[in-house]
Amino acid sequence: MNVSEAVEKRRSIRAFLKKPVPQKILEEIFQAALRAPSWGNTQPWRLTLVEGEILQAMIKELIQSAAAGETPRPDVEIPKDWPDAPARRYKENGKKLFKLLAIGREDKEKRNAHMLDMFRFFGAPQVIYIHIDRKLGPYSILDTGLLAQNIALLAAEKELGTCFLGVSVRFADVVRRYTGIPESDQMVMGMAIGYPDADAPINRFRSDREPLEAVVRWVH
């Protein structure tokens, strides 16, 4: 599989098999992913992988916090407002996903169930947290994004699925209790990783992309 094929193959997986990914395979992915570029080769990232009973206990508490409607407590501020174009894409993506899942606009019960499934990491057996020292700024957050994309592409190459989940860092204090990520670090993002459930209809979902002319400007 070449790079172009991996980019095309990668998608957000929302249903995983319970089978955990062997540590050797994860180590191979991480080792290769660490070739990601960073500002001045600072390599600001740290990775924490959570699995097994600890992950399940953490999920239980995350769901309790979400179901109780607790105020989010992320380390990195969650966007509250989007400009028109991103807001339109966000809404259209949600409509398309819910249509595939046959979840109606007014079906609050099913919508809530889907939301809570995100806190379960869609059944993924392992979750990767990417975090950096709190002293670091936006450029280092950009660097972690480059690393995260490397992980996602390398996972796709090995027939694994991934999903970046904003809810994974919504209750940062809960995550810390189970993972040991220090207060001196800020959690940037968590991503589910595992073997995709090929029979799950939701894994057929593919988000749209804007046409090239809508996002690329040529200056001659």
C-alpha atoms as a PDB file:
ATOM      1  CA  MET A   1       0.000   0.000   0.000  1.00  0.00           C
ATOM      2  CA  ASN A   2       1.470   3.350  -1.035  1.00  0.00           C
ATOM      3  CA  VAL A   3       0.851   6.700   0.683  1.00  0.00           C
ATOM      4  CA  SER A   4      -1.969   7.726  -1.663  1.00  0.00           C
ATOM      5  CA  GLU A   5      -3.748   4.424  -1.046  1.00  0.00           C
ATOM      6  CA  ALA A   6      -3.398   4.806   2.740  1.00  0.00           C
ATOM      7  CA  VAL A   7      -4.795   8.359   2.612  1.00  0.00           C
ATOM      8  CA  GLU A   8      -7.779   7.135   0.591  1.00  0.00           C
ATOM      9  CA  LYS A   9      -8.319   4.077   2.805  1.00  0.00           C
ATOM     10  CA  ARG A  10      -8.292   5.945   6.134  1.00  0.00           C
ATOM     11  CA  ARG A  11     -11.681   6.859   7.504  1.00  0.00           C
ATOM     12  CA  SER A  12     -13.299   7.271  10.909  1.00  0.00           C
ATOM     13  CA  ILE A  13     -14.293   3.834  12.191  1.00  0.00           C
ATOM     14  CA  ARG A  14     -17.291   3.777  14.520  1.00  0.00           C
ATOM     15  CA  ALA A  15     -17.646   0.068  15.271  1.00  0.00           C
ATOM     16  CA  PHE A  16     -14.762  -2.136  16.395  1.00  0.00           C
ATOM     17  CA  LEU A  17     -14.219  -5.797  17.143  1.00  0.00           C
ATOM     18  CA  LYS A  18     -13.314  -6.611  20.742  1.00  0.00           C
ATOM     19  CA  LYS A  19     -10.041  -8.231  19.625  1.00  0.00           C
ATOM     20  CA  PRO A  20      -7.142  -6.094  20.939  1.00  0.00           C
ATOM     21  CA  VAL A  21      -4.280  -5.064  18.687  1.00  0.00           C
ATOM     22  CA  PRO A  22      -1.059  -6.900  19.683  1.00  0.00           C
ATOM     23  CA  GLN A  23       1.495  -4.686  21.382  1.00  0.00           C
ATOM     24  CA  LYS A  24       4.127  -5.537  18.761  1.00  0.00           C
ATOM     25  CA  ILE A  25       1.939  -4.107  15.992  1.00  0.00           C
ATOM     26  CA  LEU A  26       1.242  -0.956  18.005  1.00  0.00           C
ATOM     27  CA  GLU A  27       4.963  -0.537  18.669  1.00  0.00           C
ATOM     28  CA  GLU A  28       5.673  -0.808  14.940  1.00  0.00           C
ATOM     29  CA  ILE A  29       3.057   1.859  14.210  1.00  0.00           C
ATOM     30  CA  PHE A  30       4.359   4.210  16.899  1.00  0.00           C
ATOM     31  CA  GLN A  31       7.999   3.734  15.868  1.00  0.00           C
ATOM     32  CA  ALA A  32       7.248   4.630  12.257  1.00  0.00           C
ATOM     33  CA  ALA A  33       4.852   7.462  13.212  1.00  0.00           C
ATOM     34  CA  LEU A  34       7.572   9.182  15.222  1.00  0.00           C
ATOM     35  CA  ARG A  35       9.119  10.287  11.920  1.00  0.00           C
ATOM     36  CA  ALA A  36       6.467  13.042  11.914  1.00  0.00           C
ATOM     37  CA  PRO A  37       7.899  16.541  11.481  1.00  0.00           C
ATOM     38  CA  SER A  38       7.902  18.987  14.380  1.00  0.00           C
ATOM     39  CA  TRP A  39       9.030  22.546  15.030  1.00  0.00           C
ATOM     40  CA  GLY A  40      12.855  22.455  15.154  1.00  0.00           C
ATOM     41  CA  ASN A  41      12.629  18.683  15.771  1.00  0.00           C
ATOM     42  CA  THR A  42      11.308  19.391  19.265  1.00  0.00           C
ATOM     43  CA  GLN A  43       9.149  16.224  19.153  1.00  0.00           C
ATOM     44  CA  PRO A  44       6.840  17.596  21.877  1.00  0.00           C
ATOM     45  CA  TRP A  45       4.433  14.665  21.931  1.00  0.00           C
ATOM     46  CA  ARG A  46       3.848  11.953  24.494  1.00  0.00           C
ATOM     47  CA  LEU A  47       1.624   8.923  23.964  1.00  0.00           C
ATOM     48  CA  THR A  48      -0.392   6.979  26.519  1.00  0.00           C
ATOM     49  CA  LEU A  49      -2.220   3.820  25.451  1.00  0.00           C
ATOM     50  CA  VAL A  50      -5.141   2.627  27.596  1.00  0.00           C
ATOM     51  CA  GLU A  51      -6.722  -0.817  27.378  1.00  0.00           C
ATOM     52  CA  GLY A  52      -8.259  -3.665  29.326  1.00  0.00           C
ATOM     53  CA  GLU A  53      -9.959  -3.264  32.690  1.00  0.00           C
ATOM     54  CA  ILE A  54      -8.578   0.233  33.230  1.00  0.00           C
ATOM     55  CA  LEU A  55     -10.105   1.423  29.958  1.00  0.00           C
ATOM     56  CA  GLN A  56     -13.470  -0.114  30.828  1.00  0.00           C
ATOM     57  CA  ALA A  57     -13.483   1.477  34.289  1.00  0.00           C
ATOM     58  CA  MET A  58     -12.594   4.857  32.754  1.00  0.00           C
ATOM     59  CA  ILE A  59     -15.354   4.503  30.158  1.00  0.00           C
ATOM     60  CA  LYS A  60     -17.892   3.799  32.889  1.00  0.00           C
ATOM     61  CA  GLU A  61     -17.037   7.039  34.698  1.00  0.00           C
ATOM     62  CA  LEU A  62     -16.893   9.069  31.469  1.00  0.00           C
ATOM     63  CA  ILE A  63     -20.404   7.884  30.599  1.00  0.00           C
ATOM     64  CA  GLN A  64     -21.628   8.794  34.077  1.00  0.00           C
ATOM     65  CA  SER A  65     -20.218  12.317  33.688  1.00  0.00           C
ATOM     66  CA  ALA A  66     -21.738  12.712  30.231  1.00  0.00           C
ATOM     67  CA  ALA A  67     -25.142  11.268  31.174  1.00  0.00           C
ATOM     68  CA  ALA A  68     -25.303  13.590  34.179  1.00  0.00           C
ATOM     69  CA  GLY A  69     -24.767  16.579  31.892  1.00  0.00           C
ATOM     70  CA  GLU A  70     -21.603  17.691  33.677  1.00  0.00           C
ATOM     71  CA  THR A  71     -19.782  20.731  32.336  1.00  0.00           C
ATOM     72  CA  PRO A  72     -16.900  19.675  30.035  1.00  0.00           C
ATOM     73  CA  ARG A  73     -13.439  20.044  31.551  1.00  0.00           C
ATOM     74  CA  PRO A  74     -10.969  19.711  28.637  1.00  0.00           C
ATOM     75  CA  ASP A  75      -7.365  20.900  28.717  1.00  0.00           C
ATOM     76  CA  VAL A  76      -7.670  22.425  25.242  1.00  0.00           C
ATOM     77  CA  GLU A  77     -10.707  24.652  24.743  1.00  0.00           C
ATOM     78  CA  ILE A  78     -13.533  23.098  22.751  1.00  0.00           C
ATOM     79  CA  PRO A  79     -14.693  25.317  19.846  1.00  0.00           C
ATOM     80  CA  LYS A  80     -18.038  26.931  20.597  1.00  0.00           C
ATOM     81  CA  ASP A  81     -18.691  28.752  17.320  1.00  0.00           C
ATOM     82  CA  TRP A  82     -17.626  28.003  13.766  1.00  0.00           C
ATOM     83  CA  PRO A  83     -17.497  30.316  10.739  1.00  0.00           C
ATOM     84  CA  ASP A  84     -20.261  29.693   8.197  1.00  0.00           C
ATOM     85  CA  ALA A  85     -18.455  27.227   5.917  1.00  0.00           C
ATOM     86  CA  PRO A  86     -17.126  24.880   8.652  1.00  0.00           C
ATOM     87  CA  ALA A  87     -20.491  25.093  10.447  1.00  0.00           C
ATOM     88  CA  ARG A  88     -22.286  24.036   7.263  1.00  0.00           C
ATOM     89  CA  ARG A  89     -19.934  21.062   6.759  1.00  0.00           C
ATOM     90  CA  TYR A  90     -20.335  20.023  10.393  1.00  0.00           C
ATOM     91  CA  LYS A  91     -24.138  20.028  10.180  1.00  0.00           C
ATOM     92  CA  GLU A  92     -24.222  18.279   6.804  1.00  0.00           C
ATOM     93  CA  ASN A  93     -21.898  15.557   8.063  1.00  0.00           C
ATOM     94  CA  GLY A  94     -24.124  14.940  11.086  1.00  0.00           C
ATOM     95  CA  LYS A  95     -27.263  14.770   8.930  1.00  0.00           C
ATOM     96  CA  LYS A  96     -25.640  12.266   6.562  1.00  0.00           C
ATOM     97  CA  LEU A  97     -24.436  10.079   9.431  1.00  0.00           C
ATOM     98  CA  PHE A  98     -27.790  10.049  11.217  1.00  0.00           C
ATOM     99  CA  LYS A  99     -29.564   9.262   7.954  1.00  0.00           C
ATOM    100  CA  LEU A 100     -27.393   6.164   7.532  1.00  0.00           C
ATOM    101  CA  LEU A 101     -28.187   5.158  11.110  1.00  0.00           C
ATOM    102  CA  ALA A 102     -31.900   5.861  10.593  1.00  0.00           C
ATOM    103  CA  ILE A 103     -31.915   8.299  13.514  1.00  0.00           C
ATOM    104  CA  GLY A 104     -34.593  10.940  13.087  1.00  0.00           C
ATOM    105  CA  ARG A 105     -34.152  14.602  13.929  1.00  0.00           C
ATOM    106  CA  GLU A 106     -36.528  14.359  16.898  1.00  0.00           C
ATOM    107  CA  ASP A 107     -35.360  10.949  18.128  1.00  0.00           C
ATOM    108  CA  LYS A 108     -33.565  12.195  21.231  1.00  0.00           C
ATOM    109  CA  GLU A 109     -33.212   8.710  22.696  1.00  0.00           C
ATOM    110  CA  LYS A 110     -31.243   7.327  19.739  1.00  0.00           C
ATOM    111  CA  ARG A 111     -29.202  10.511  19.401  1.00  0.00           C
ATOM    112  CA  ASN A 112     -28.266  10.309  23.069  1.00  0.00           C
ATOM    113  CA  ALA A 113     -27.375   6.624  22.694  1.00  0.00           C
ATOM    114  CA  HIS A 114     -25.061   7.495  19.799  1.00  0.00           C
ATOM    115  CA  MET A 115     -23.444  10.233  21.884  1.00  0.00           C
ATOM    116  CA  LEU A 116     -22.795   7.826  24.753  1.00  0.00           C
ATOM    117  CA  ASP A 117     -21.359   5.300  22.293  1.00  0.00           C
ATOM    118  CA  MET A 118     -18.701   7.883  21.478  1.00  0.00           C
ATOM    119  CA  PHE A 119     -17.685   7.821  25.152  1.00  0.00           C
ATOM    120  CA  ARG A 120     -17.347   4.043  24.744  1.00  0.00           C
ATOM    121  CA  PHE A 121     -14.918   4.758  21.909  1.00  0.00           C
ATOM    122  CA  PHE A 122     -17.298   2.797  19.662  1.00  0.00           C
ATOM    123  CA  GLY A 123     -16.180  -0.438  21.298  1.00  0.00           C
ATOM    124  CA  ALA A 124     -12.481  -0.033  20.467  1.00  0.00           C
ATOM    125  CA  PRO A 125     -10.281  -2.236  22.669  1.00  0.00           C
ATOM    126  CA  GLN A 126      -7.558   0.397  22.916  1.00  0.00           C
ATOM    127  CA  VAL A 127      -7.350   4.176  23.065  1.00  0.00           C
ATOM    128  CA  ILE A 128      -4.317   6.363  22.379  1.00  0.00           C
ATOM    129  CA  TYR A 129      -3.959   9.698  24.168  1.00  0.00           C
ATOM    130  CA  ILE A 130      -1.622  12.346  22.769  1.00  0.00           C
ATOM    131  CA  HIS A 131      -0.471  14.935  25.282  1.00  0.00           C
ATOM    132  CA  ILE A 132       2.160  17.664  25.563  1.00  0.00           C
ATOM    133  CA  ASP A 133       3.757  19.819  28.241  1.00  0.00           C
ATOM    134  CA  ARG A 134       1.447  22.693  29.267  1.00  0.00           C
ATOM    135  CA  LYS A 135       4.261  25.173  28.623  1.00  0.00           C
ATOM    136  CA  LEU A 136       4.019  24.467  24.898  1.00  0.00           C
ATOM    137  CA  GLY A 137       1.765  26.390  22.535  1.00  0.00           C
ATOM    138  CA  PRO A 138      -0.161  26.108  19.248  1.00  0.00           C
ATOM    139  CA  TYR A 139       2.798  25.030  17.123  1.00  0.00           C
ATOM    140  CA  SER A 140       3.338  21.999  19.322  1.00  0.00           C
ATOM    141  CA  ILE A 141      -0.372  21.160  19.074  1.00  0.00           C
ATOM    142  CA  LEU A 142       0.072  21.273  15.283  1.00  0.00           C
ATOM    143  CA  ASP A 143       2.984  18.856  15.659  1.00  0.00           C
ATOM    144  CA  THR A 144       0.783  16.377  17.545  1.00  0.00           C
ATOM    145  CA  GLY A 145      -1.692  16.503  14.665  1.00  0.00           C
ATOM    146  CA  LEU A 146       1.053  15.464  12.271  1.00  0.00           C
ATOM    147  CA  LEU A 147       1.933  12.546  14.533  1.00  0.00           C
ATOM    148  CA  ALA A 148      -1.722  11.556  14.890  1.00  0.00           C
ATOM    149  CA  GLN A 149      -2.210  11.483  11.120  1.00  0.00           C
ATOM    150  CA  ASN A 150       0.870   9.294  10.760  1.00  0.00           C
ATOM    151  CA  ILE A 151      -0.608   6.859  13.289  1.00  0.00           C
ATOM    152  CA  ALA A 152      -3.944   6.792  11.456  1.00  0.00           C
ATOM    153  CA  LEU A 153      -2.327   6.136   8.062  1.00  0.00           C
ATOM    154  CA  LEU A 154       0.014   3.462   9.383  1.00  0.00           C
ATOM    155  CA  ALA A 155      -2.932   1.811  11.116  1.00  0.00           C
ATOM    156  CA  ALA A 156      -4.854   1.782   7.828  1.00  0.00           C
ATOM    157  CA  GLU A 157      -1.866   0.124   6.165  1.00  0.00           C
ATOM    158  CA  LYS A 158      -2.157  -2.705   8.718  1.00  0.00           C
ATOM    159  CA  GLU A 159      -5.932  -3.086   8.157  1.00  0.00           C
ATOM    160  CA  LEU A 160      -6.704  -1.349  11.451  1.00  0.00           C
ATOM    161  CA  GLY A 161      -9.242   1.376  12.056  1.00  0.00           C
ATOM    162  CA  THR A 162      -8.978   4.616  14.012  1.00  0.00           C
ATOM    163  CA  CYS A 163     -11.285   7.395  15.109  1.00  0.00           C
ATOM    164  CA  PHE A 164     -10.317  10.761  16.561  1.00  0.00           C
ATOM    165  CA  LEU A 165     -12.768  11.614  19.336  1.00  0.00           C
ATOM    166  CA  GLY A 166     -13.165  15.026  20.910  1.00  0.00           C
ATOM    167  CA  VAL A 167     -15.225  13.471  23.700  1.00  0.00           C
ATOM    168  CA  SER A 168     -12.134  11.498  24.737  1.00  0.00           C
ATOM    169  CA  VAL A 169     -10.652  14.634  26.304  1.00  0.00           C
ATOM    170  CA  ARG A 170     -13.892  16.295  27.431  1.00  0.00           C
ATOM    171  CA  PHE A 171     -13.457  15.206  31.057  1.00  0.00           C
ATOM    172  CA  ALA A 172      -9.683  15.434  31.364  1.00  0.00           C
ATOM    173  CA  ASP A 173      -9.673  14.950  35.140  1.00  0.00           C
ATOM    174  CA  VAL A 174     -11.423  11.586  34.786  1.00  0.00           C
ATOM    175  CA  VAL A 175      -8.900  10.437  32.179  1.00  0.00           C
ATOM    176  CA  ARG A 176      -6.025  11.476  34.418  1.00  0.00           C
ATOM    177  CA  ARG A 177      -7.312   9.384  37.296  1.00  0.00           C
ATOM    178  CA  TYR A 178      -7.099   6.236  35.201  1.00  0.00           C
ATOM    179  CA  THR A 179      -4.122   6.933  32.939  1.00  0.00           C
ATOM    180  CA  GLY A 180      -1.673   8.777  35.152  1.00  0.00           C
ATOM    181  CA  ILE A 181      -1.228  11.563  32.589  1.00  0.00           C
ATOM    182  CA  PRO A 182       0.281  14.317  34.754  1.00  0.00           C
ATOM    183  CA  GLU A 183      -1.313  17.686  35.454  1.00  0.00           C
ATOM    184  CA  SER A 184       1.783  19.263  33.901  1.00  0.00           C
ATOM    185  CA  ASP A 185       0.644  17.914  30.525  1.00  0.00           C
ATOM    186  CA  GLN A 186      -2.364  18.969  28.498  1.00  0.00           C
ATOM    187  CA  MET A 187      -4.319  16.299  26.665  1.00  0.00           C
ATOM    188  CA  VAL A 188      -4.695  17.268  23.032  1.00  0.00           C
ATOM    189  CA  MET A 189      -6.639  14.345  21.605  1.00  0.00           C
ATOM    190  CA  GLY A 190      -7.585  10.729  22.097  1.00  0.00           C
ATOM    191  CA  MET A 191      -8.061   8.245  19.302  1.00  0.00           C
ATOM    192  CA  ALA A 192      -9.694   4.829  19.233  1.00  0.00           C
ATOM    193  CA  ILE A 193      -7.747   2.077  17.498  1.00  0.00           C
ATOM    194  CA  GLY A 194      -8.645  -1.506  16.702  1.00  0.00           C
ATOM    195  CA  TYR A 195      -9.933  -3.947  14.118  1.00  0.00           C
ATOM    196  CA  PRO A 196     -12.980  -2.574  12.253  1.00  0.00           C
ATOM    197  CA  ASP A 197     -16.253  -4.496  12.416  1.00  0.00           C
ATOM    198  CA  ALA A 198     -16.772  -5.187   8.730  1.00  0.00           C
ATOM    199  CA  ASP A 199     -20.445  -6.059   9.262  1.00  0.00           C
ATOM    200  CA  ALA A 200     -21.374  -2.773  10.935  1.00  0.00           C
ATOM    201  CA  PRO A 201     -23.331  -0.480   8.546  1.00  0.00           C
ATOM    202  CA  ILE A 202     -21.899   2.620  10.234  1.00  0.00           C
ATOM    203  CA  ASN A 203     -18.436   1.714   8.959  1.00  0.00           C
ATOM    204  CA  ARG A 204     -19.663   2.285   5.415  1.00  0.00           C
ATOM    205  CA  PHE A 205     -20.046   5.984   6.221  1.00  0.00           C
ATOM    206  CA  ARG A 206     -17.658   8.262   4.364  1.00  0.00           C
ATOM    207  CA  SER A 207     -17.579  11.985   4.996  1.00  0.00           C
ATOM    208  CA  ASP A 208     -17.545  14.388   2.041  1.00  0.00           C
ATOM    209  CA  ARG A 209     -14.720  16.692   1.006  1.00  0.00           C
ATOM    210  CA  GLU A 210     -14.945  20.113  -0.576  1.00  0.00           C
ATOM    211  CA  PRO A 211     -13.893  20.425  -4.246  1.00  0.00           C
ATOM    212  CA  LEU A 212     -10.345  21.584  -4.823  1.00  0.00           C
ATOM    213  CA  GLU A 213     -11.394  24.971  -6.194  1.00  0.00           C
ATOM    214  CA  ALA A 214     -13.263  25.733  -2.958  1.00  0.00           C
ATOM    215  CA  VAL A 215     -10.162  25.487  -0.769  1.00  0.00           C
ATOM    216  CA  VAL A 216      -7.110  26.063  -2.975  1.00  0.00           C
ATOM    217  CA  ARG A 217      -6.067  29.489  -4.202  1.00  0.00           C
ATOM    218  CA  TRP A 218      -3.287  29.897  -6.753  1.00  0.00           C
ATOM    219  CA  VAL A 219      -1.119  33.036  -6.669  1.00  0.00           C
ATOM    220  CA  HIS A 220       1.026  33.522  -9.789  1.00  0.00           C
END
